[in-house]
Amino acid sequence: MRSFKKLTAAAAGSCLALSLMLSPAAFAAEGSSETASQTSSETELINEVMQYIENYNLTGADRDALIRAAIDGMVNSLDDPYTQYFSSEESKELQNQLALDYVGIGVQLVYTGNELYIEQIMPGSPAESAGLKRGDTILKINGVKISEIKSDPISGEAGTKLTLLIQRGGVAKTYTVKRSEINYPSVTGKIVGPKIAYISLNGFTEDSDEEFAAVLKNMRAAGMKSMVLDLRNNGGGYMDSAYNIASQFIDKGIMMYTADNTGELTPVTITDGAKMDVPVVILTNEYTASASEALTGALHDNHLATVVGTKTFGKARIQSLLDLSDGGLLKLTTERYLTPSKADFNHIGLSPDIEVKGEAAQIITALQLAGMNSIEAAGDNHILDVGGTAFAGNVGLVKQGGKIYASARVLSALVESDLSWDAKNKKVIVTTGSGKAFSFTISSKEALSQYGETFIALDAFKKKFPSLVWRYNQTQNRLTLSVK
């Protein structure tokens, strides 16, 4: 239950404008009369089987269901998870996903296995209008406890209402929110700290390239000196948008190589692009897929960006969307692609230059690389503000046994050190850039391990890293961390 915004899934394919897309009629026109005769015979065989089933099958048969089963059978026989047939109705939903259009309340949710809470709220959304806030814990949806919900309860028809029991600051309150049609912006940008442009690219719609150009123009006007390009949770979309965005960074060069069913590699070149004149840091995670991987590979291999985060999804295949006579679509894998260095990362993923786990630690590390020398991270176990700006993630606040703990990942990122876990001795190890290692053990209660995360007691951490400054506001239940 990572998020209910309709991101284009990694399996939802890309449509490359530079590739040739042929209709079924065009394919047939290319064949010889002998091939046409063979095709006719094969079609008659399919119709013959279908007529026998319709006329004599004991349990009866639905013709539309038989046709759909035949199509799905052909598609499934390819053993390609990215090739799909979409009926007329299903194709509309696909187009909505590619455009980042969905029906909902405008929230991004996080489920920890223990609780469900609101990590981010879209400005101007029904959730914001209803009074919901970042960090709110959802106890019930339409009277049903979160632990008893088996499917996505947020999605539904526009105009219908949701009743949410929310806990905030130890107080429970009921909110009613009306679902509506929402177009999630594919590109957002803001200036953070010392003129760092933070640009989040949420998907590659048909208009993402134009939106990116507009946001980039605003960032330049605001005095951008460096950029953090966030491609985390970006499942892809239209490859031509990715190409045009890459052209905002690469003046001349190769974006990628493609190959169709002949196997011949063809360079996709940028000849009249723009040169990015500031340092760029790209953020990736395991949900960075498809077109976002192509953009990552292009900027990395052209030595234009440093990649921070975790290994990407690993989808180096391109789909074409083919219109069908019934109003549906065939999303067919027609090409594979490689990075400019000719790396085929399909089912493997792209590895970052600097591996960092955890949303908060990733953004802190990226901002440091982009030039933010003094970072203040604040929040609790649900939300994160860095330098007064809201980001996805949290500082991992835990109160236990009279001690205040924070996320080990966040703390190690703040002091620009590496983090590791010694499972045998049950201790967290923080290693500085100079190679000096500091241990925090579970047995001494200097560290905690829960819900798959590790936390370090702040008094113990400060003894070993005196540069850490921290304060805890009990009234607001807010922890502030910085390094002097």
Protein backbone atom coordinates (compact mmCIF):
# COMPACT_ATOMS: atom_id res chain seq x y z
CA MET A 1 0.00 0.00 0.00
CA ARG A 2 2.89 2.32 -0.87
CA SER A 3 0.82 4.90 -2.67
CA PHE A 4 -2.63 5.34 -4.12
CA LYS A 5 -1.67 7.86 -6.77
CA LYS A 6 -1.95 6.28 -10.19
CA LEU A 7 1.66 6.20 -11.25
CA THR A 8 2.32 4.51 -14.57
CA ALA A 9 3.35 1.03 -13.48
CA ALA A 10 6.67 -0.37 -14.53
CA ALA A 11 4.81 -2.90 -16.64
CA ALA A 12 2.84 -0.19 -18.43
CA GLY A 13 4.86 0.24 -21.58
CA SER A 14 6.39 3.15 -23.37
CA CYS A 15 5.60 4.42 -26.84
CA LEU A 16 8.68 5.61 -28.72
CA ALA A 17 7.81 8.32 -31.23
CA LEU A 18 11.00 7.63 -33.14
CA SER A 19 10.07 4.01 -33.84
CA LEU A 20 7.90 2.85 -36.71
CA MET A 21 4.44 1.68 -35.71
CA LEU A 22 2.57 -0.38 -38.27
CA SER A 23 -1.12 -1.23 -38.22
CA PRO A 24 -2.23 -4.84 -38.68
CA ALA A 25 -3.34 -3.93 -42.21
CA ALA A 26 0.14 -2.72 -43.04
CA PHE A 27 1.66 -5.97 -41.87
CA ALA A 28 -0.70 -7.93 -44.11
CA ALA A 29 0.04 -5.73 -47.11
CA GLU A 30 3.72 -6.59 -46.90
CA GLY A 31 3.18 -10.33 -47.32
CA SER A 32 3.14 -12.32 -50.53
CA SER A 33 0.00 -13.95 -51.97
CA GLU A 34 1.26 -17.26 -50.61
CA THR A 35 1.52 -15.78 -47.11
CA ALA A 36 -1.93 -14.23 -47.47
CA SER A 37 -3.36 -17.61 -48.44
CA GLN A 38 -1.74 -19.24 -45.43
CA THR A 39 -3.09 -16.53 -43.14
CA SER A 40 -6.60 -17.01 -44.53
CA SER A 41 -6.39 -20.75 -43.90
CA GLU A 42 -5.23 -20.20 -40.33
CA THR A 43 -8.03 -17.72 -39.72
CA GLU A 44 -10.55 -20.25 -41.02
CA LEU A 45 -9.14 -22.82 -38.57
CA ILE A 46 -9.65 -20.44 -35.64
CA ASN A 47 -13.21 -19.66 -36.77
CA GLU A 48 -13.90 -23.36 -37.27
CA VAL A 49 -12.89 -24.20 -33.70
CA MET A 50 -14.91 -21.30 -32.36
CA GLN A 51 -18.04 -22.41 -34.24
CA TYR A 52 -17.75 -25.95 -32.91
CA ILE A 53 -17.46 -24.64 -29.37
CA GLU A 54 -20.40 -22.29 -29.80
CA ASN A 55 -22.63 -24.94 -31.37
CA TYR A 56 -21.80 -28.07 -29.42
CA ASN A 57 -20.04 -27.23 -26.14
CA LEU A 58 -22.09 -28.77 -23.33
CA THR A 59 -21.86 -25.81 -20.94
CA GLY A 60 -22.41 -23.13 -23.58
CA ALA A 61 -20.00 -20.42 -24.65
CA ASP A 62 -19.90 -16.64 -24.99
CA ARG A 63 -18.48 -15.51 -28.34
CA ASP A 64 -16.89 -12.34 -26.95
CA ALA A 65 -15.26 -14.37 -24.19
CA LEU A 66 -13.89 -16.85 -26.76
CA ILE A 67 -12.40 -14.03 -28.84
CA ARG A 68 -10.83 -12.43 -25.76
CA ALA A 69 -9.43 -15.81 -24.69
CA ALA A 70 -7.92 -16.34 -28.14
CA ILE A 71 -6.26 -12.92 -28.08
CA ASP A 72 -5.00 -13.37 -24.53
CA GLY A 73 -3.71 -16.81 -25.49
CA MET A 74 -1.63 -15.36 -28.33
CA VAL A 75 -0.30 -12.57 -26.12
CA ASN A 76 0.49 -14.88 -23.21
CA SER A 77 2.32 -17.31 -25.46
CA LEU A 78 4.97 -14.61 -26.02
CA ASP A 79 6.01 -14.94 -22.37
CA ASP A 80 6.44 -11.16 -22.29
CA PRO A 81 5.01 -9.40 -19.22
CA TYR A 82 4.91 -6.07 -21.06
CA THR A 83 2.85 -7.12 -24.09
CA GLN A 84 -0.88 -6.76 -23.41
CA TYR A 85 -4.21 -6.49 -25.16
CA PHE A 86 -6.57 -3.80 -23.91
CA SER A 87 -10.24 -3.71 -24.82
CA SER A 88 -11.82 -0.39 -25.72
CA GLU A 89 -12.78 0.22 -22.09
CA GLU A 90 -9.43 -0.97 -20.74
CA SER A 91 -7.52 1.21 -23.19
CA LYS A 92 -9.19 4.30 -21.72
CA GLU A 93 -7.90 3.34 -18.28
CA LEU A 94 -4.42 2.81 -19.74
CA GLN A 95 -4.49 6.25 -21.34
CA ASN A 96 -5.56 7.73 -18.00
CA GLN A 97 -2.64 6.03 -16.27
CA LEU A 98 -0.20 7.30 -18.87
CA ALA A 99 -1.61 10.82 -18.40
CA LEU A 100 -1.45 10.45 -14.57
CA ASP A 101 -5.23 10.96 -14.41
CA TYR A 102 -7.10 9.13 -11.69
CA VAL A 103 -10.02 9.31 -9.30
CA GLY A 104 -9.13 9.66 -5.65
CA ILE A 105 -8.61 12.14 -2.83
CA GLY A 106 -5.05 13.30 -3.59
CA VAL A 107 -2.91 11.61 -0.96
CA GLN A 108 0.21 9.49 -0.91
CA LEU A 109 -0.03 6.83 1.77
CA VAL A 110 2.54 4.69 3.56
CA TYR A 111 1.71 1.38 5.20
CA THR A 112 4.38 0.18 7.63
CA GLY A 113 2.76 -3.13 8.49
CA ASN A 114 1.71 -1.57 11.76
CA GLU A 115 -0.13 1.58 10.64
CA LEU A 116 -1.32 3.51 7.59
CA TYR A 117 -0.50 7.21 7.44
CA ILE A 118 -0.55 10.14 5.02
CA GLU A 119 2.94 10.98 3.81
CA GLN A 120 2.03 13.70 1.31
CA ILE A 121 -1.06 15.64 0.26
CA MET A 122 -1.52 17.10 -3.20
CA PRO A 123 -2.15 20.88 -3.09
CA GLY A 124 -5.75 21.75 -3.94
CA SER A 125 -6.87 18.13 -3.54
CA PRO A 126 -10.08 16.93 -1.85
CA ALA A 127 -7.92 15.68 1.03
CA GLU A 128 -6.47 19.13 1.63
CA SER A 129 -9.89 20.76 1.34
CA ALA A 130 -11.30 18.33 3.91
CA GLY A 131 -8.59 19.28 6.41
CA LEU A 132 -6.35 16.21 6.25
CA LYS A 133 -2.66 16.80 6.98
CA ARG A 134 0.71 15.17 6.40
CA GLY A 135 1.44 12.67 9.13
CA ASP A 136 -2.21 11.84 9.89
CA THR A 137 -2.70 8.18 10.84
CA ILE A 138 -5.73 6.49 9.28
CA LEU A 139 -7.43 4.18 11.77
CA LYS A 140 -10.56 3.25 9.77
CA ILE A 141 -11.92 3.73 6.26
CA ASN A 142 -15.71 3.67 5.95
CA GLY A 143 -15.85 2.13 9.42
CA VAL A 144 -13.48 -0.73 8.59
CA LYS A 145 -10.23 -1.10 10.51
CA ILE A 146 -7.08 -0.83 8.41
CA SER A 147 -5.98 -4.30 9.51
CA GLU A 148 -9.19 -5.76 8.01
CA ILE A 149 -8.98 -4.02 4.60
CA LYS A 150 -7.93 -6.38 1.80
CA SER A 151 -7.93 -4.10 -1.27
CA ASP A 152 -7.45 -0.46 -2.28
CA PRO A 153 -10.19 1.43 -0.40
CA ILE A 154 -9.28 4.89 -1.68
CA SER A 155 -10.12 4.42 -5.36
CA GLY A 156 -13.73 4.65 -6.51
CA GLU A 157 -16.10 6.68 -8.64
CA ALA A 158 -15.85 10.46 -8.76
CA GLY A 159 -18.39 12.13 -6.49
CA THR A 160 -18.56 9.29 -3.98
CA LYS A 161 -17.49 9.88 -0.39
CA LEU A 162 -15.00 8.32 1.99
CA THR A 163 -15.27 8.45 5.75
CA LEU A 164 -11.86 8.38 7.44
CA LEU A 165 -11.17 8.02 11.14
CA ILE A 166 -7.95 9.98 11.64
CA GLN A 167 -5.60 10.13 14.58
CA ARG A 168 -3.58 13.32 14.98
CA GLY A 169 -1.66 14.30 18.09
CA GLY A 170 -3.25 11.51 20.09
CA VAL A 171 -6.78 12.65 19.21
CA ALA A 172 -9.12 10.71 16.89
CA LYS A 173 -11.48 12.58 14.57
CA THR A 174 -13.70 11.61 11.62
CA TYR A 175 -13.29 13.33 8.24
CA THR A 176 -15.48 12.97 5.15
CA VAL A 177 -13.72 13.33 1.80
CA LYS A 178 -15.31 13.32 -1.65
CA ARG A 179 -13.44 11.51 -4.42
CA SER A 180 -12.81 13.52 -7.56
CA GLU A 181 -10.97 13.31 -10.85
CA ILE A 182 -7.37 14.34 -10.33
CA ASN A 183 -4.58 15.04 -12.77
CA TYR A 184 -1.37 14.41 -10.90
CA PRO A 185 1.33 16.82 -12.15
CA SER A 186 4.07 14.96 -13.98
CA VAL A 187 6.67 17.60 -13.10
CA THR A 188 7.03 19.77 -10.00
CA GLY A 189 9.90 21.99 -8.93
CA LYS A 190 11.06 24.14 -6.06
CA ILE A 191 14.21 25.92 -4.93
CA VAL A 192 15.74 24.47 -1.76
CA GLY A 193 18.53 25.96 0.34
CA PRO A 194 21.46 27.51 -1.55
CA LYS A 195 19.72 27.75 -4.92
CA ILE A 196 19.31 23.98 -5.38
CA ALA A 197 16.52 23.13 -7.83
CA TYR A 198 14.60 20.08 -6.63
CA ILE A 199 12.62 18.73 -9.59
CA SER A 200 10.36 15.71 -9.19
CA LEU A 201 9.47 13.87 -12.39
CA ASN A 202 6.55 11.58 -11.57
CA GLY A 203 5.91 10.07 -15.00
CA PHE A 204 6.42 10.63 -18.72
CA THR A 205 3.11 11.85 -20.12
CA GLU A 206 2.69 13.27 -23.59
CA ASP A 207 3.17 16.74 -22.09
CA SER A 208 5.93 16.01 -19.56
CA ASP A 209 8.66 17.41 -21.80
CA GLU A 210 6.85 20.75 -22.12
CA GLU A 211 6.10 20.80 -18.40
CA PHE A 212 9.72 20.04 -17.61
CA ALA A 213 10.93 22.85 -19.88
CA ALA A 214 8.60 25.29 -18.11
CA VAL A 215 9.71 24.19 -14.62
CA LEU A 216 13.37 24.33 -15.67
CA LYS A 217 12.88 27.87 -16.97
CA ASN A 218 11.43 28.89 -13.59
CA MET A 219 14.30 27.24 -11.74
CA ARG A 220 16.85 29.10 -13.88
CA ALA A 221 15.01 32.38 -13.28
CA ALA A 222 15.22 31.69 -9.53
CA GLY A 223 19.01 31.40 -9.77
CA MET A 224 19.44 27.60 -9.90
CA LYS A 225 23.05 26.61 -9.10
CA SER A 226 22.55 22.82 -8.99
CA MET A 227 19.77 20.29 -9.47
CA VAL A 228 18.34 17.25 -7.74
CA LEU A 229 16.22 15.30 -10.24
CA ASP A 230 13.95 12.89 -8.38
CA LEU A 231 13.00 9.84 -10.46
CA ARG A 232 12.01 7.63 -7.53
CA ASN A 233 8.70 5.81 -8.04
CA ASN A 234 8.66 6.96 -11.68
CA GLY A 235 7.38 3.94 -13.59
CA GLY A 236 7.92 5.41 -17.07
CA GLY A 237 5.59 6.42 -19.88
CA TYR A 238 6.22 7.88 -23.32
CA MET A 239 9.82 7.53 -24.46
CA ASP A 240 9.64 10.54 -26.76
CA SER A 241 9.02 12.72 -23.69
CA ALA A 242 12.10 11.19 -22.08
CA TYR A 243 14.08 11.95 -25.24
CA ASN A 244 12.99 15.60 -25.25
CA ILE A 245 13.80 15.96 -21.55
CA ALA A 246 17.23 14.40 -22.12
CA SER A 247 17.71 17.07 -24.80
CA GLN A 248 17.51 19.68 -22.04
CA PHE A 249 20.73 18.22 -20.60
CA ILE A 250 22.61 16.86 -23.64
CA ASP A 251 23.53 19.23 -26.48
CA LYS A 252 25.09 16.56 -28.66
CA GLY A 253 25.42 12.88 -27.92
CA ILE A 254 23.79 9.46 -27.70
CA MET A 255 20.74 9.04 -25.50
CA MET A 256 20.60 5.26 -25.92
CA TYR A 257 20.84 2.41 -28.41
CA THR A 258 17.78 0.52 -29.66
CA ALA A 259 17.37 -2.79 -31.46
CA ASP A 260 14.28 -4.33 -33.07
CA ASN A 261 13.72 -8.01 -33.93
CA THR A 262 16.65 -7.90 -36.40
CA GLY A 263 19.01 -7.40 -33.45
CA GLU A 264 20.85 -4.51 -35.09
CA LEU A 265 21.80 -1.73 -32.67
CA THR A 266 20.86 1.80 -33.71
CA PRO A 267 22.03 4.87 -31.80
CA VAL A 268 19.33 7.35 -30.75
CA THR A 269 21.23 10.61 -31.01
CA ILE A 270 20.62 14.13 -29.78
CA THR A 271 22.07 16.67 -32.19
CA ASP A 272 20.44 19.97 -31.28
CA GLY A 273 19.91 19.86 -27.54
CA ALA A 274 20.81 22.24 -24.72
CA LYS A 275 23.79 21.95 -22.40
CA MET A 276 23.04 21.69 -18.69
CA ASP A 277 25.48 24.05 -16.99
CA VAL A 278 24.93 23.03 -13.35
CA PRO A 279 25.76 19.86 -11.36
CA VAL A 280 22.93 17.27 -11.38
CA VAL A 281 22.11 14.55 -8.86
CA ILE A 282 19.53 11.90 -9.82
CA LEU A 283 17.54 10.00 -7.19
CA THR A 284 16.45 6.44 -8.04
CA ASN A 285 14.85 3.47 -6.29
CA GLU A 286 13.47 0.04 -7.15
CA TYR A 287 10.39 1.63 -8.73
CA THR A 288 12.40 3.78 -11.15
CA ALA A 289 11.57 2.00 -14.40
CA SER A 290 11.41 2.10 -18.18
CA ALA A 291 11.63 5.64 -19.59
CA SER A 292 13.00 6.95 -16.28
CA GLU A 293 15.77 4.36 -16.50
CA ALA A 294 16.51 5.49 -20.06
CA LEU A 295 16.85 9.09 -18.85
CA THR A 296 19.01 8.01 -15.91
CA GLY A 297 21.31 5.98 -18.15
CA ALA A 298 21.56 8.79 -20.68
CA LEU A 299 22.59 11.46 -18.17
CA HIS A 300 24.88 9.14 -16.22
CA ASP A 301 26.73 7.69 -19.20
CA ASN A 302 27.17 11.16 -20.70
CA HIS A 303 28.84 12.18 -17.40
CA LEU A 304 26.15 14.74 -16.63
CA ALA A 305 24.75 13.37 -13.37
CA THR A 306 25.61 11.49 -10.20
CA VAL A 307 23.05 8.81 -9.29
CA VAL A 308 22.03 8.33 -5.64
CA GLY A 309 19.62 5.81 -4.14
CA THR A 310 19.04 2.14 -4.86
CA LYS A 311 19.10 -0.08 -7.94
CA THR A 312 16.36 0.62 -10.48
CA PHE A 313 13.58 -1.74 -11.62
CA GLY A 314 15.27 -3.15 -14.72
CA LYS A 315 12.97 -2.67 -17.72
CA ALA A 316 14.98 -2.07 -20.89
CA ARG A 317 12.20 -2.83 -23.35
CA ILE A 318 10.05 -0.50 -25.44
CA GLN A 319 6.41 -1.03 -26.32
CA SER A 320 4.42 0.43 -29.21
CA LEU A 321 0.72 1.15 -28.79
CA LEU A 322 -1.15 -0.24 -31.81
CA ASP A 323 -4.75 0.77 -32.47
CA LEU A 324 -7.10 -2.15 -33.14
CA SER A 325 -10.34 -2.33 -35.13
CA ASP A 326 -12.47 -2.91 -32.00
CA GLY A 327 -11.30 0.36 -30.44
CA GLY A 328 -8.81 -1.46 -28.24
CA LEU A 329 -5.04 -1.35 -28.13
CA LEU A 330 -2.22 -3.84 -28.44
CA LYS A 331 0.76 -2.85 -26.32
CA LEU A 332 3.49 -4.81 -28.06
CA THR A 333 7.17 -5.02 -27.20
CA THR A 334 8.91 -3.94 -30.39
CA GLU A 335 12.38 -2.89 -29.27
CA ARG A 336 14.98 -3.31 -26.58
CA TYR A 337 17.29 -0.52 -25.56
CA LEU A 338 20.74 -0.14 -24.05
CA THR A 339 22.37 2.78 -22.29
CA PRO A 340 24.94 4.92 -24.15
CA SER A 341 27.65 2.65 -22.71
CA LYS A 342 25.71 -0.29 -24.25
CA ALA A 343 24.61 -1.77 -20.93
CA ASP A 344 21.57 -4.06 -21.23
CA PHE A 345 20.09 -3.87 -17.73
CA ASN A 346 16.80 -5.65 -18.42
CA HIS A 347 15.76 -7.66 -15.33
CA ILE A 348 18.96 -6.35 -13.67
CA GLY A 349 18.50 -2.64 -13.06
CA LEU A 350 20.89 0.28 -13.03
CA SER A 351 23.12 0.58 -9.97
CA PRO A 352 23.55 4.03 -8.39
CA ASP A 353 26.93 5.68 -7.99
CA ILE A 354 26.18 6.09 -4.28
CA GLU A 355 23.87 3.52 -2.69
CA VAL A 356 21.63 4.98 0.00
CA LYS A 357 18.52 3.33 1.44
CA GLY A 358 15.55 5.19 2.88
CA GLU A 359 13.70 8.18 1.42
CA ALA A 360 14.90 10.69 4.00
CA ALA A 361 18.55 9.58 3.86
CA GLN A 362 18.43 9.68 0.06
CA ILE A 363 17.20 13.27 -0.15
CA ILE A 364 19.66 14.41 2.53
CA THR A 365 22.57 12.81 0.65
CA ALA A 366 21.40 14.26 -2.68
CA LEU A 367 21.11 17.78 -1.25
CA GLN A 368 24.57 17.49 0.30
CA LEU A 369 26.05 16.50 -3.07
CA ALA A 370 24.16 19.38 -4.69
CA GLY A 371 25.83 21.87 -2.36
CA MET A 372 23.79 22.09 0.84
CA ASN A 373 26.55 22.16 3.45
CA SER A 374 24.32 22.79 6.46
CA ILE A 375 21.23 20.61 6.68
CA GLU A 376 18.44 20.71 9.25
CA ALA A 377 16.08 17.72 9.15
CA ALA A 378 12.92 17.86 11.23
CA GLY A 379 9.78 15.79 11.73
CA ASP A 380 8.68 12.63 13.48
CA ASN A 381 8.06 9.02 12.49
CA HIS A 382 5.73 10.11 9.65
CA ILE A 383 6.96 13.34 8.07
CA LEU A 384 10.17 15.08 7.00
CA ASP A 385 11.12 18.72 6.46
CA VAL A 386 14.60 19.56 5.22
CA GLY A 387 15.57 23.19 5.54
CA GLY A 388 11.91 23.99 6.13
CA THR A 389 10.80 22.27 2.90
CA ALA A 390 8.51 19.23 2.95
CA PHE A 391 9.80 15.98 1.45
CA ALA A 392 8.67 12.37 1.43
CA GLY A 393 10.16 10.37 4.28
CA ASN A 394 10.60 10.86 8.03
CA VAL A 395 13.31 11.27 10.67
CA GLY A 396 12.31 8.02 12.36
CA LEU A 397 11.47 9.42 15.77
CA VAL A 398 11.13 6.71 18.45
CA LYS A 399 10.69 7.26 22.21
CA GLN A 400 11.50 4.26 24.37
CA GLY A 401 12.84 3.70 27.87
CA GLY A 402 13.30 7.40 28.49
CA LYS A 403 15.51 7.74 25.41
CA ILE A 404 14.97 9.54 22.10
CA TYR A 405 15.98 7.60 19.00
CA ALA A 406 16.22 8.62 15.35
CA SER A 407 16.61 6.70 12.09
CA ALA A 408 20.11 5.27 11.77
CA ARG A 409 19.96 5.99 8.04
CA VAL A 410 19.10 9.66 8.59
CA LEU A 411 21.81 10.12 11.22
CA SER A 412 24.50 8.47 9.08
CA ALA A 413 23.46 10.59 6.10
CA LEU A 414 23.67 13.80 8.13
CA VAL A 415 27.27 13.07 9.15
CA GLU A 416 28.06 11.86 5.60
CA SER A 417 28.97 8.34 6.69
CA ASP A 418 28.17 4.80 5.59
CA LEU A 419 25.78 2.56 7.50
CA SER A 420 25.90 -1.19 7.98
CA TRP A 421 24.27 -3.79 10.22
CA ASP A 422 26.18 -6.54 12.01
CA ALA A 423 23.48 -9.22 12.34
CA LYS A 424 25.68 -11.62 14.30
CA ASN A 425 26.49 -9.13 17.05
CA LYS A 426 23.29 -7.12 16.63
CA LYS A 427 24.86 -3.75 16.25
CA VAL A 428 24.67 -0.77 13.92
CA ILE A 429 27.98 0.41 12.46
CA VAL A 430 28.50 3.96 11.19
CA THR A 431 31.72 4.37 9.18
CA THR A 432 33.07 7.83 8.38
CA GLY A 433 34.71 8.85 5.12
CA SER A 434 38.12 8.48 6.76
CA GLY A 435 37.30 4.84 7.59
CA LYS A 436 36.70 5.22 11.32
CA ALA A 437 33.87 2.96 12.51
CA PHE A 438 31.52 3.52 15.45
CA SER A 439 29.24 0.79 16.81
CA PHE A 440 25.86 1.05 18.52
CA THR A 441 24.59 -2.19 20.03
CA ILE A 442 21.08 -3.42 20.67
CA SER A 443 22.12 -4.95 24.00
CA SER A 444 23.29 -1.59 25.38
CA LYS A 445 20.08 0.06 24.16
CA GLU A 446 22.18 2.47 22.12
CA ALA A 447 20.27 1.07 19.14
CA LEU A 448 16.84 -0.36 18.35
CA SER A 449 15.59 -2.62 15.58
CA GLN A 450 11.90 -2.67 14.71
CA TYR A 451 9.73 -2.99 11.59
CA GLY A 452 12.84 -3.76 9.54
CA GLU A 453 14.52 -0.45 10.44
CA THR A 454 17.32 0.47 12.86
CA PHE A 455 17.39 3.47 15.17
CA ILE A 456 20.16 5.03 17.27
CA ALA A 457 19.80 6.76 20.64
CA LEU A 458 20.63 10.43 20.13
CA ASP A 459 22.62 10.84 23.34
CA ALA A 460 24.83 7.88 22.34
CA PHE A 461 25.22 9.15 18.78
CA LYS A 462 26.23 12.65 19.95
CA LYS A 463 28.98 11.21 22.15
CA LYS A 464 30.60 9.70 19.07
CA PHE A 465 29.61 12.47 16.65
CA PRO A 466 29.79 15.73 18.66
CA SER A 467 28.87 17.76 15.56
CA LEU A 468 25.27 16.53 15.85
CA VAL A 469 22.80 19.07 17.23
CA TRP A 470 19.36 17.83 18.21
CA ARG A 471 16.30 19.06 20.04
CA TYR A 472 12.98 17.47 20.80
CA ASN A 473 9.76 19.47 21.15
CA GLN A 474 7.54 17.31 23.33
CA THR A 475 4.46 19.48 22.82
CA GLN A 476 4.63 19.14 19.03
CA ASN A 477 6.29 15.70 19.13
CA ARG A 478 8.85 17.07 16.69
CA LEU A 479 12.52 16.18 16.43
CA THR A 480 15.04 18.52 14.79
CA LEU A 481 18.47 17.27 13.70
CA SER A 482 21.39 19.20 12.25
CA VAL A 483 25.18 19.09 12.05
CA LYS A 484 27.19 22.16 13.03
